[in-house]
Amino acid sequence: MSISRSEKLASSLQSVLDSKLVSLSQHLHEITIVVRSQDLLDVAEALRDHPDLNFDTLIDLCGVDYSAHTHDSFAGEGRQNRRFAVVYHLLSVNLNHRVRVRVFADDNELPIVDSVIGIWPAANWFEREAFDLYGIVFFNHPDLRRILTDYGFIGNPFRKDFPLSGYVEMRYDADQKRVIYQPVTIEPREITPYVIREDFYGEGKKVD
């Protein structure tokens, strides 16, 4: 009996990564693996260099804050009490397969994960974004600065405990012809859609 492409990839991941693989799961025809933060660079090199894996392209990298999760779900499988994770989406152009890699930071107060720029250079700005929005520090990143918020911004906007009001944002004011700072507020509001539909809508023009 022939095995599917995803089954073959799962078998290769288990064989190549061996004890460095914390867990492997499949959901919606996608493979997700969890690895320890201390093994990240070794695992990343194996994912890129092993001929059965050949993940030469980093598609995306993002941070995740699991503080609102009350129990382990598929997305937070294996997180235990760890709050922050970094998720990598990888593609093998030659072998045409994909994998999601999840790495949890061990320290909730100062989440630190190794930078993978040396393995996938495309990670540069992705890591800066996760640093900016989640406060995840990428060790050995050559230029770890904020990338989306203002230079003097305090806090990390994508953390679940970040306040929705009380901070300031920077924008250009066309009337004053200069950059201004103004308070950020998010007022609760209810939006009720209002649809106006003419007689015989969609049936063409009415003919008398």
Protein backbone atom coordinates (compact mmCIF):
# COMPACT_ATOMS: atom_id res chain seq x y z
CA MET A 1 0.00 0.00 0.00
CA SER A 2 1.44 3.39 -1.00
CA ILE A 3 1.80 6.11 1.60
CA SER A 4 0.76 9.71 1.14
CA ARG A 5 3.17 12.60 0.76
CA SER A 6 2.35 13.90 4.26
CA GLU A 7 2.91 10.46 5.79
CA LYS A 8 6.27 10.23 4.05
CA LEU A 9 7.25 13.67 5.33
CA ALA A 10 6.14 12.81 8.87
CA SER A 11 8.24 9.66 8.77
CA SER A 12 11.29 11.60 7.51
CA LEU A 13 10.88 14.25 10.23
CA GLN A 14 10.72 11.61 12.95
CA SER A 15 13.72 9.76 11.54
CA VAL A 16 15.93 12.83 11.00
CA LEU A 17 15.07 14.80 14.14
CA ASP A 18 14.76 11.77 16.43
CA SER A 19 15.03 12.82 20.11
CA LYS A 20 15.01 16.54 19.23
CA LEU A 21 11.39 16.19 18.14
CA VAL A 22 9.10 16.93 21.09
CA SER A 23 5.88 16.21 19.18
CA LEU A 24 4.51 15.85 15.67
CA SER A 25 0.85 16.28 14.81
CA GLN A 26 -1.28 16.56 11.69
CA HIS A 27 -4.35 18.75 11.45
CA LEU A 28 -6.21 19.82 8.30
CA HIS A 29 -3.56 18.02 6.24
CA GLU A 30 -0.80 20.18 7.75
CA ILE A 31 2.14 18.93 9.80
CA THR A 32 3.20 20.77 12.94
CA ILE A 33 6.27 19.88 14.96
CA VAL A 34 7.30 21.18 18.36
CA VAL A 35 10.97 21.41 19.32
CA ARG A 36 12.80 22.70 22.39
CA SER A 37 14.29 26.17 22.22
CA GLN A 38 17.78 24.86 23.00
CA ASP A 39 17.57 22.55 19.98
CA LEU A 40 16.23 25.14 17.55
CA LEU A 41 19.41 25.84 15.58
CA ASP A 42 20.34 22.16 15.23
CA VAL A 43 16.81 21.34 14.13
CA ALA A 44 16.72 24.27 11.70
CA GLU A 45 19.96 23.16 10.04
CA ALA A 46 18.67 19.62 9.71
CA LEU A 47 15.39 20.84 8.23
CA ARG A 48 17.28 22.89 5.65
CA ASP A 49 20.16 20.55 4.82
CA HIS A 50 18.87 16.98 5.01
CA PRO A 51 18.03 15.77 1.49
CA ASP A 52 14.75 14.17 2.62
CA LEU A 53 13.57 17.48 4.09
CA ASN A 54 15.30 20.28 2.15
CA PHE A 55 13.30 23.16 3.67
CA ASP A 56 15.19 25.88 1.85
CA THR A 57 12.58 28.65 2.22
CA LEU A 58 11.21 30.40 5.29
CA ILE A 59 7.71 31.56 4.32
CA ASP A 60 6.74 33.22 7.59
CA LEU A 61 7.69 33.64 11.22
CA CYS A 62 5.40 34.99 13.93
CA GLY A 63 5.07 35.26 17.69
CA VAL A 64 2.17 33.87 19.72
CA ASP A 65 0.93 34.81 23.20
CA TYR A 66 -0.86 31.87 24.83
CA SER A 67 -1.74 33.64 28.08
CA ALA A 68 -5.46 33.55 27.29
CA HIS A 69 -5.48 29.76 26.78
CA THR A 70 -6.88 27.98 29.82
CA HIS A 71 -5.73 24.53 28.66
CA ASP A 72 -3.62 22.90 26.01
CA SER A 73 -5.31 22.90 22.63
CA PHE A 74 -3.98 21.79 19.28
CA ALA A 75 -2.42 25.21 18.75
CA GLY A 76 -0.80 25.19 22.19
CA GLU A 77 0.10 21.53 22.36
CA GLY A 78 3.05 20.95 24.67
CA ARG A 79 3.21 24.53 25.93
CA GLN A 80 2.73 23.61 29.61
CA ASN A 81 2.87 26.95 31.46
CA ARG A 82 4.98 28.73 28.89
CA ARG A 83 3.38 31.88 27.55
CA PHE A 84 5.22 32.78 24.35
CA ALA A 85 6.11 30.80 21.27
CA VAL A 86 7.67 31.45 17.89
CA VAL A 87 6.11 29.71 14.89
CA TYR A 88 7.99 29.10 11.64
CA HIS A 89 6.35 28.14 8.33
CA LEU A 90 8.79 26.39 6.01
CA LEU A 91 8.64 25.32 2.38
CA SER A 92 10.76 22.95 0.35
CA VAL A 93 10.67 24.27 -3.19
CA ASN A 94 12.38 21.17 -4.62
CA LEU A 95 10.29 18.57 -2.77
CA ASN A 96 7.09 20.62 -2.67
CA HIS A 97 6.18 20.06 0.97
CA ARG A 98 5.62 22.31 3.98
CA VAL A 99 5.93 22.14 7.75
CA ARG A 100 5.07 24.33 10.72
CA VAL A 101 7.65 24.50 13.52
CA ARG A 102 6.64 25.72 16.99
CA VAL A 103 9.21 26.70 19.64
CA PHE A 104 8.20 27.82 23.13
CA ALA A 105 10.35 30.33 25.03
CA ASP A 106 11.18 28.96 28.47
CA ASP A 107 11.14 32.30 30.31
CA ASN A 108 7.77 34.09 30.42
CA GLU A 109 9.26 37.30 31.81
CA LEU A 110 12.03 37.58 29.23
CA PRO A 111 11.25 35.26 26.29
CA ILE A 112 14.43 34.49 24.34
CA VAL A 113 14.84 32.34 21.23
CA ASP A 114 17.88 31.95 18.99
CA SER A 115 17.84 33.90 15.74
CA VAL A 116 17.68 31.74 12.60
CA ILE A 117 18.98 34.45 10.27
CA GLY A 118 22.15 32.44 9.67
CA ILE A 119 20.02 29.59 8.32
CA TRP A 120 17.19 31.50 6.63
CA PRO A 121 18.20 35.16 6.01
CA ALA A 122 14.56 36.03 5.29
CA ALA A 123 13.92 35.76 9.03
CA ASN A 124 15.50 39.18 9.64
CA TRP A 125 12.45 41.44 9.48
CA PHE A 126 10.09 38.71 10.71
CA GLU A 127 12.11 38.42 13.91
CA ARG A 128 12.14 42.19 14.33
CA GLU A 129 8.36 42.20 13.99
CA ALA A 130 7.94 39.49 16.66
CA PHE A 131 10.33 41.41 18.90
CA ASP A 132 8.40 44.63 18.40
CA LEU A 133 4.88 43.24 18.83
CA TYR A 134 5.48 40.49 21.42
CA GLY A 135 8.74 41.41 23.13
CA ILE A 136 10.40 38.13 22.12
CA VAL A 137 14.19 38.58 22.04
CA PHE A 138 16.08 36.81 19.24
CA PHE A 139 19.57 36.00 20.44
CA ASN A 140 22.36 36.94 17.99
CA HIS A 141 20.06 38.95 15.74
CA PRO A 142 22.37 41.53 14.08
CA ASP A 143 19.93 44.48 14.26
CA LEU A 144 17.10 43.83 16.71
CA ARG A 145 15.10 47.08 16.63
CA ARG A 146 11.41 47.89 16.50
CA ILE A 147 10.05 47.79 12.98
CA LEU A 148 6.34 48.75 13.14
CA THR A 149 5.89 50.96 16.19
CA ASP A 150 7.46 54.35 16.87
CA TYR A 151 11.03 54.61 18.16
CA GLY A 152 9.91 55.77 21.60
CA PHE A 153 7.04 53.30 21.90
CA ILE A 154 6.74 51.49 25.23
CA GLY A 155 5.26 47.99 25.48
CA ASN A 156 4.33 45.26 23.01
CA PRO A 157 0.97 45.76 21.27
CA PHE A 158 0.19 42.10 20.46
CA ARG A 159 0.55 40.84 24.02
CA LYS A 160 -2.84 39.79 25.38
CA ASP A 161 -2.47 42.06 28.42
CA PHE A 162 -1.63 45.19 26.43
CA PRO A 163 -4.13 48.00 27.24
CA LEU A 164 -6.40 49.12 24.40
CA SER A 165 -6.37 52.77 25.46
CA GLY A 166 -4.10 55.21 27.25
CA TYR A 167 -1.18 55.08 24.85
CA VAL A 168 -0.39 57.49 22.05
CA GLU A 169 0.04 56.98 18.34
CA MET A 170 2.02 58.97 15.82
CA ARG A 171 0.46 60.12 12.55
CA TYR A 172 0.77 62.87 9.97
CA ASP A 173 -1.82 65.64 10.30
CA ALA A 174 -2.66 67.13 6.91
CA ASP A 175 -4.14 70.31 8.41
CA GLN A 176 -1.12 71.07 10.59
CA LYS A 177 1.27 69.71 7.97
CA ARG A 178 3.36 67.89 10.56
CA VAL A 179 3.64 64.65 12.51
CA ILE A 180 1.59 64.67 15.73
CA TYR A 181 1.03 62.38 18.70
CA GLN A 182 -2.49 61.70 19.90
CA PRO A 183 -4.06 59.36 22.51
CA VAL A 184 -5.27 55.95 21.34
CA THR A 185 -8.81 55.01 22.34
CA ILE A 186 -10.98 52.13 21.27
CA GLU A 187 -14.60 52.77 22.11
CA PRO A 188 -16.99 49.79 22.27
CA ARG A 189 -19.55 50.11 19.51
CA GLU A 190 -22.26 48.11 17.85
CA ILE A 191 -22.49 48.14 14.09
CA THR A 192 -25.79 47.09 12.53
CA PRO A 193 -25.60 46.46 8.79
CA TYR A 194 -28.24 48.31 6.81
CA VAL A 195 -29.10 46.94 3.39
CA ILE A 196 -31.13 48.84 0.83
CA ARG A 197 -32.44 46.56 -1.87
CA GLU A 198 -34.61 47.75 -4.77
CA ASP A 199 -37.59 45.84 -6.07
CA PHE A 200 -36.64 43.07 -8.49
CA TYR A 201 -33.01 43.34 -7.36
CA GLY A 202 -30.85 41.05 -9.46
CA GLU A 203 -33.62 40.30 -11.94
CA GLY A 204 -32.82 43.01 -14.42
CA LYS A 205 -34.77 46.20 -15.10
CA LYS A 206 -38.49 46.04 -14.54
CA VAL A 207 -40.49 46.39 -17.76
CA ASP A 208 -44.05 47.81 -17.63
